[in-house]
Amino acid sequence: MVETWRKFLKATCAATLIATASTASAQELKIGVVNPERLLRESTPARAALQKLEGEFAKRQKDVEETGIRLKTMAERFEKDSPVMTETDRGRRQRELAELDRDFQRKQREFREDLNQRRNEEMQGLVERSNRIIRQIAEQEKYDLIVQEAVYFNPRIDITERVLKALNAAR
């Protein structure tokens, strides 16, 4: 809801700016649009960042997966052996299963949180570099307005490809 409201405000501000600027001067506005999702999906630095994260978190992911497999195996064995176990053994195995399940849930949660935090850090750096490049293009080519999100735009004002080329070259 908040994000929708922000997008609405951005669009309203952009429309107001365009309307004000067009009535204030007789010269034509130069407007560009950039697709930020495409930059994050297609740029070489974004792919490199994702590969770096995969390498950084591969060992932990494998550990979480192994814990999950161990938990599943123990639960299946418990279900199979449960009818012939003594009450004491059943209680002990249930506690072991519960402990392993808590450990698995904790590892999984910590893994997701750490991965998301690192992904956000890497993507924030990429967003900052993209914004610098967009500003440079705007200043060099004398754009009056560059919008990063739009409901509709004419493809002739899309400068995403130029930003991608500059971002890939900036490595």
C-alpha atoms as a PDB file:
ATOM      1  CA  MET A   1       0.000   0.000   0.000  1.00  0.00           C
ATOM      2  CA  VAL A   2       2.779   2.414   0.950  1.00  0.00           C
ATOM      3  CA  GLU A   3       4.783   1.468  -2.154  1.00  0.00           C
ATOM      4  CA  THR A   4       1.727   2.043  -4.359  1.00  0.00           C
ATOM      5  CA  TRP A   5       1.208   5.416  -2.738  1.00  0.00           C
ATOM      6  CA  ARG A   6       4.853   6.340  -3.331  1.00  0.00           C
ATOM      7  CA  LYS A   7       4.608   5.362  -6.993  1.00  0.00           C
ATOM      8  CA  PHE A   8       1.438   7.445  -7.317  1.00  0.00           C
ATOM      9  CA  LEU A   9       3.183  10.428  -5.727  1.00  0.00           C
ATOM     10  CA  LYS A  10       6.211  10.021  -8.005  1.00  0.00           C
ATOM     11  CA  ALA A  11       3.990   9.883 -11.081  1.00  0.00           C
ATOM     12  CA  THR A  12       1.969  12.889  -9.917  1.00  0.00           C
ATOM     13  CA  CYS A  13       5.121  14.897  -9.219  1.00  0.00           C
ATOM     14  CA  ALA A  14       6.560  13.967 -12.602  1.00  0.00           C
ATOM     15  CA  ALA A  15       3.318  14.939 -14.361  1.00  0.00           C
ATOM     16  CA  THR A  16       3.198  18.231 -12.456  1.00  0.00           C
ATOM     17  CA  LEU A  17       6.827  18.937 -13.324  1.00  0.00           C
ATOM     18  CA  ILE A  18       6.192  18.197 -16.983  1.00  0.00           C
ATOM     19  CA  ALA A  19       3.058  20.335 -17.073  1.00  0.00           C
ATOM     20  CA  THR A  20       4.756  23.204 -15.257  1.00  0.00           C
ATOM     21  CA  ALA A  21       7.894  23.060 -17.351  1.00  0.00           C
ATOM     22  CA  SER A  22       5.999  22.846 -20.632  1.00  0.00           C
ATOM     23  CA  THR A  23       3.908  25.922 -19.842  1.00  0.00           C
ATOM     24  CA  ALA A  24       6.869  27.803 -18.399  1.00  0.00           C
ATOM     25  CA  SER A  25       9.017  27.545 -21.492  1.00  0.00           C
ATOM     26  CA  ALA A  26       8.368  27.251 -25.149  1.00  0.00           C
ATOM     27  CA  GLN A  27      11.234  24.852 -25.726  1.00  0.00           C
ATOM     28  CA  GLU A  28      10.677  21.130 -25.832  1.00  0.00           C
ATOM     29  CA  LEU A  29      11.466  18.957 -22.819  1.00  0.00           C
ATOM     30  CA  LYS A  30      13.894  16.096 -23.178  1.00  0.00           C
ATOM     31  CA  ILE A  31      12.633  13.140 -21.182  1.00  0.00           C
ATOM     32  CA  GLY A  32      14.098   9.676 -20.729  1.00  0.00           C
ATOM     33  CA  VAL A  33      12.970   6.468 -19.045  1.00  0.00           C
ATOM     34  CA  VAL A  34      15.115   3.778 -17.446  1.00  0.00           C
ATOM     35  CA  ASN A  35      13.914   0.313 -16.473  1.00  0.00           C
ATOM     36  CA  PRO A  36      15.709  -0.403 -13.154  1.00  0.00           C
ATOM     37  CA  GLU A  37      14.600  -4.055 -13.049  1.00  0.00           C
ATOM     38  CA  ARG A  38      16.236  -4.631 -16.402  1.00  0.00           C
ATOM     39  CA  LEU A  39      19.458  -3.054 -15.144  1.00  0.00           C
ATOM     40  CA  LEU A  40      19.461  -5.397 -12.141  1.00  0.00           C
ATOM     41  CA  ARG A  41      18.618  -8.392 -14.303  1.00  0.00           C
ATOM     42  CA  GLU A  42      20.836  -7.859 -17.361  1.00  0.00           C
ATOM     43  CA  SER A  43      23.898  -5.917 -16.299  1.00  0.00           C
ATOM     44  CA  THR A  44      27.254  -7.631 -16.016  1.00  0.00           C
ATOM     45  CA  PRO A  45      27.914  -6.164 -12.533  1.00  0.00           C
ATOM     46  CA  ALA A  46      24.562  -7.526 -11.311  1.00  0.00           C
ATOM     47  CA  ARG A  47      25.335 -11.008 -12.615  1.00  0.00           C
ATOM     48  CA  ALA A  48      28.803 -10.835 -11.060  1.00  0.00           C
ATOM     49  CA  ALA A  49      27.295  -9.802  -7.721  1.00  0.00           C
ATOM     50  CA  LEU A  50      24.862 -12.735  -7.810  1.00  0.00           C
ATOM     51  CA  GLN A  51      27.677 -15.170  -8.622  1.00  0.00           C
ATOM     52  CA  LYS A  52      29.711 -13.723  -5.767  1.00  0.00           C
ATOM     53  CA  LEU A  53      26.779 -14.256  -3.399  1.00  0.00           C
ATOM     54  CA  GLU A  54      26.263 -17.817  -4.613  1.00  0.00           C
ATOM     55  CA  GLY A  55      29.904 -18.599  -3.886  1.00  0.00           C
ATOM     56  CA  GLU A  56      29.787 -16.844  -0.550  1.00  0.00           C
ATOM     57  CA  PHE A  57      26.677 -18.710   0.625  1.00  0.00           C
ATOM     58  CA  ALA A  58      27.115 -22.102  -1.088  1.00  0.00           C
ATOM     59  CA  LYS A  59      28.595 -23.835   1.974  1.00  0.00           C
ATOM     60  CA  ARG A  60      25.864 -22.566   4.294  1.00  0.00           C
ATOM     61  CA  GLN A  61      23.143 -23.504   1.823  1.00  0.00           C
ATOM     62  CA  LYS A  62      24.556 -27.017   1.584  1.00  0.00           C
ATOM     63  CA  ASP A  63      24.636 -27.244   5.402  1.00  0.00           C
ATOM     64  CA  VAL A  64      20.981 -26.183   5.641  1.00  0.00           C
ATOM     65  CA  GLU A  65      19.987 -28.670   2.944  1.00  0.00           C
ATOM     66  CA  GLU A  66      21.880 -31.498   4.686  1.00  0.00           C
ATOM     67  CA  THR A  67      20.180 -30.673   7.989  1.00  0.00           C
ATOM     68  CA  GLY A  68      16.813 -30.801   6.221  1.00  0.00           C
ATOM     69  CA  ILE A  69      17.608 -34.192   4.705  1.00  0.00           C
ATOM     70  CA  ARG A  70      18.793 -35.510   8.079  1.00  0.00           C
ATOM     71  CA  LEU A  71      15.570 -34.257   9.707  1.00  0.00           C
ATOM     72  CA  LYS A  72      13.415 -35.890   7.041  1.00  0.00           C
ATOM     73  CA  THR A  73      15.304 -39.185   7.338  1.00  0.00           C
ATOM     74  CA  MET A  74      15.014 -39.200  11.134  1.00  0.00           C
ATOM     75  CA  ALA A  75      11.283 -38.382  10.962  1.00  0.00           C
ATOM     76  CA  GLU A  76      10.663 -41.216   8.483  1.00  0.00           C
ATOM     77  CA  ARG A  77      12.659 -43.641  10.613  1.00  0.00           C
ATOM     78  CA  PHE A  78      10.734 -42.522  13.713  1.00  0.00           C
ATOM     79  CA  GLU A  79       7.386 -43.066  11.965  1.00  0.00           C
ATOM     80  CA  LYS A  80       8.483 -46.523  10.881  1.00  0.00           C
ATOM     81  CA  ASP A  81       9.976 -47.580  14.237  1.00  0.00           C
ATOM     82  CA  SER A  82       7.506 -45.795  16.506  1.00  0.00           C
ATOM     83  CA  PRO A  83       4.988 -48.653  16.930  1.00  0.00           C
ATOM     84  CA  VAL A  84       7.624 -51.044  18.291  1.00  0.00           C
ATOM     85  CA  MET A  85       9.504 -48.569  20.532  1.00  0.00           C
ATOM     86  CA  THR A  86       9.268 -48.341  24.246  1.00  0.00           C
ATOM     87  CA  GLU A  87       7.658 -45.203  25.654  1.00  0.00           C
ATOM     88  CA  THR A  88      11.062 -43.986  26.900  1.00  0.00           C
ATOM     89  CA  ASP A  89      12.727 -44.443  23.496  1.00  0.00           C
ATOM     90  CA  ARG A  90       9.781 -42.810  21.731  1.00  0.00           C
ATOM     91  CA  GLY A  91       9.973 -39.770  24.023  1.00  0.00           C
ATOM     92  CA  ARG A  92      13.732 -39.470  23.589  1.00  0.00           C
ATOM     93  CA  ARG A  93      13.504 -39.708  19.794  1.00  0.00           C
ATOM     94  CA  GLN A  94      10.674 -37.153  19.721  1.00  0.00           C
ATOM     95  CA  ARG A  95      12.843 -34.731  21.702  1.00  0.00           C
ATOM     96  CA  GLU A  96      15.766 -35.344  19.324  1.00  0.00           C
ATOM     97  CA  LEU A  97      13.487 -34.711  16.354  1.00  0.00           C
ATOM     98  CA  ALA A  98      12.098 -31.538  17.914  1.00  0.00           C
ATOM     99  CA  GLU A  99      15.619 -30.293  18.666  1.00  0.00           C
ATOM    100  CA  LEU A 100      16.805 -31.042  15.144  1.00  0.00           C
ATOM    101  CA  ASP A 101      13.707 -29.338  13.727  1.00  0.00           C
ATOM    102  CA  ARG A 102      14.402 -26.196  15.810  1.00  0.00           C
ATOM    103  CA  ASP A 103      18.022 -26.256  14.649  1.00  0.00           C
ATOM    104  CA  PHE A 104      16.915 -26.631  11.031  1.00  0.00           C
ATOM    105  CA  GLN A 105      14.384 -23.784  11.304  1.00  0.00           C
ATOM    106  CA  ARG A 106      16.991 -21.525  12.942  1.00  0.00           C
ATOM    107  CA  LYS A 107      19.644 -22.284  10.306  1.00  0.00           C
ATOM    108  CA  GLN A 108      17.151 -21.740   7.531  1.00  0.00           C
ATOM    109  CA  ARG A 109      15.963 -18.401   8.970  1.00  0.00           C
ATOM    110  CA  GLU A 110      19.510 -17.136   9.611  1.00  0.00           C
ATOM    111  CA  PHE A 111      20.592 -18.203   6.138  1.00  0.00           C
ATOM    112  CA  ARG A 112      17.694 -16.340   4.467  1.00  0.00           C
ATOM    113  CA  GLU A 113      18.241 -13.227   6.596  1.00  0.00           C
ATOM    114  CA  ASP A 114      21.995 -13.122   5.927  1.00  0.00           C
ATOM    115  CA  LEU A 115      21.549 -13.817   2.215  1.00  0.00           C
ATOM    116  CA  ASN A 116      18.894 -11.106   1.885  1.00  0.00           C
ATOM    117  CA  GLN A 117      21.046  -8.614   3.763  1.00  0.00           C
ATOM    118  CA  ARG A 118      24.080  -9.298   1.565  1.00  0.00           C
ATOM    119  CA  ARG A 119      21.958  -9.248  -1.599  1.00  0.00           C
ATOM    120  CA  ASN A 120      20.547  -5.869  -0.562  1.00  0.00           C
ATOM    121  CA  GLU A 121      24.062  -4.554   0.100  1.00  0.00           C
ATOM    122  CA  GLU A 122      25.304  -5.713  -3.301  1.00  0.00           C
ATOM    123  CA  MET A 123      22.244  -4.383  -5.118  1.00  0.00           C
ATOM    124  CA  GLN A 124      22.448  -1.046  -3.299  1.00  0.00           C
ATOM    125  CA  GLY A 125      25.957  -0.555  -4.637  1.00  0.00           C
ATOM    126  CA  LEU A 126      24.736  -1.391  -8.132  1.00  0.00           C
ATOM    127  CA  VAL A 127      21.801   1.022  -7.797  1.00  0.00           C
ATOM    128  CA  GLU A 128      24.169   3.799  -6.713  1.00  0.00           C
ATOM    129  CA  ARG A 129      26.450   3.164  -9.710  1.00  0.00           C
ATOM    130  CA  SER A 130      23.426   3.086 -12.032  1.00  0.00           C
ATOM    131  CA  ASN A 131      22.144   6.377 -10.645  1.00  0.00           C
ATOM    132  CA  ARG A 132      25.557   8.014 -11.155  1.00  0.00           C
ATOM    133  CA  ILE A 133      25.583   6.836 -14.764  1.00  0.00           C
ATOM    134  CA  ILE A 134      22.023   8.045 -15.308  1.00  0.00           C
ATOM    135  CA  ARG A 135      22.973  11.478 -13.924  1.00  0.00           C
ATOM    136  CA  GLN A 136      26.031  11.590 -16.204  1.00  0.00           C
ATOM    137  CA  ILE A 137      23.930  10.746 -19.252  1.00  0.00           C
ATOM    138  CA  ALA A 138      21.334  13.332 -18.211  1.00  0.00           C
ATOM    139  CA  GLU A 139      23.968  16.042 -17.852  1.00  0.00           C
ATOM    140  CA  GLN A 140      25.881  15.145 -21.028  1.00  0.00           C
ATOM    141  CA  GLU A 141      22.804  14.841 -23.219  1.00  0.00           C
ATOM    142  CA  LYS A 142      20.872  17.675 -21.527  1.00  0.00           C
ATOM    143  CA  TYR A 143      17.853  15.698 -20.300  1.00  0.00           C
ATOM    144  CA  ASP A 144      15.249  17.658 -18.359  1.00  0.00           C
ATOM    145  CA  LEU A 145      13.787  14.568 -16.683  1.00  0.00           C
ATOM    146  CA  ILE A 146      14.686  10.894 -16.394  1.00  0.00           C
ATOM    147  CA  VAL A 147      12.110   8.612 -14.807  1.00  0.00           C
ATOM    148  CA  GLN A 148      12.960   5.167 -13.474  1.00  0.00           C
ATOM    149  CA  GLU A 149       9.441   3.804 -13.245  1.00  0.00           C
ATOM    150  CA  ALA A 150       6.520   4.558 -15.519  1.00  0.00           C
ATOM    151  CA  VAL A 151       3.200   2.922 -16.235  1.00  0.00           C
ATOM    152  CA  TYR A 152       3.597   3.697 -19.918  1.00  0.00           C
ATOM    153  CA  PHE A 153       6.254   5.321 -22.066  1.00  0.00           C
ATOM    154  CA  ASN A 154       7.096   5.519 -25.715  1.00  0.00           C
ATOM    155  CA  PRO A 155      10.061   3.229 -26.496  1.00  0.00           C
ATOM    156  CA  ARG A 156      11.853   6.121 -28.250  1.00  0.00           C
ATOM    157  CA  ILE A 157      12.546   7.739 -24.843  1.00  0.00           C
ATOM    158  CA  ASP A 158      13.853   4.522 -23.250  1.00  0.00           C
ATOM    159  CA  ILE A 159      17.540   4.992 -22.415  1.00  0.00           C
ATOM    160  CA  THR A 160      17.930   1.717 -20.517  1.00  0.00           C
ATOM    161  CA  GLU A 161      20.177   0.223 -23.194  1.00  0.00           C
ATOM    162  CA  ARG A 162      22.586   3.199 -23.006  1.00  0.00           C
ATOM    163  CA  VAL A 163      22.696   2.928 -19.223  1.00  0.00           C
ATOM    164  CA  LEU A 164      23.332  -0.826 -19.488  1.00  0.00           C
ATOM    165  CA  LYS A 165      26.232  -0.299 -21.892  1.00  0.00           C
ATOM    166  CA  ALA A 166      27.764   2.353 -19.636  1.00  0.00           C
ATOM    167  CA  LEU A 167      27.252   0.212 -16.534  1.00  0.00           C
ATOM    168  CA  ASN A 168      28.854  -2.814 -18.180  1.00  0.00           C
ATOM    169  CA  ALA A 169      31.773  -0.711 -19.429  1.00  0.00           C
ATOM    170  CA  ALA A 170      32.318   0.939 -16.013  1.00  0.00           C
ATOM    171  CA  ARG A 171      33.295  -2.310 -14.296  1.00  0.00           C
END
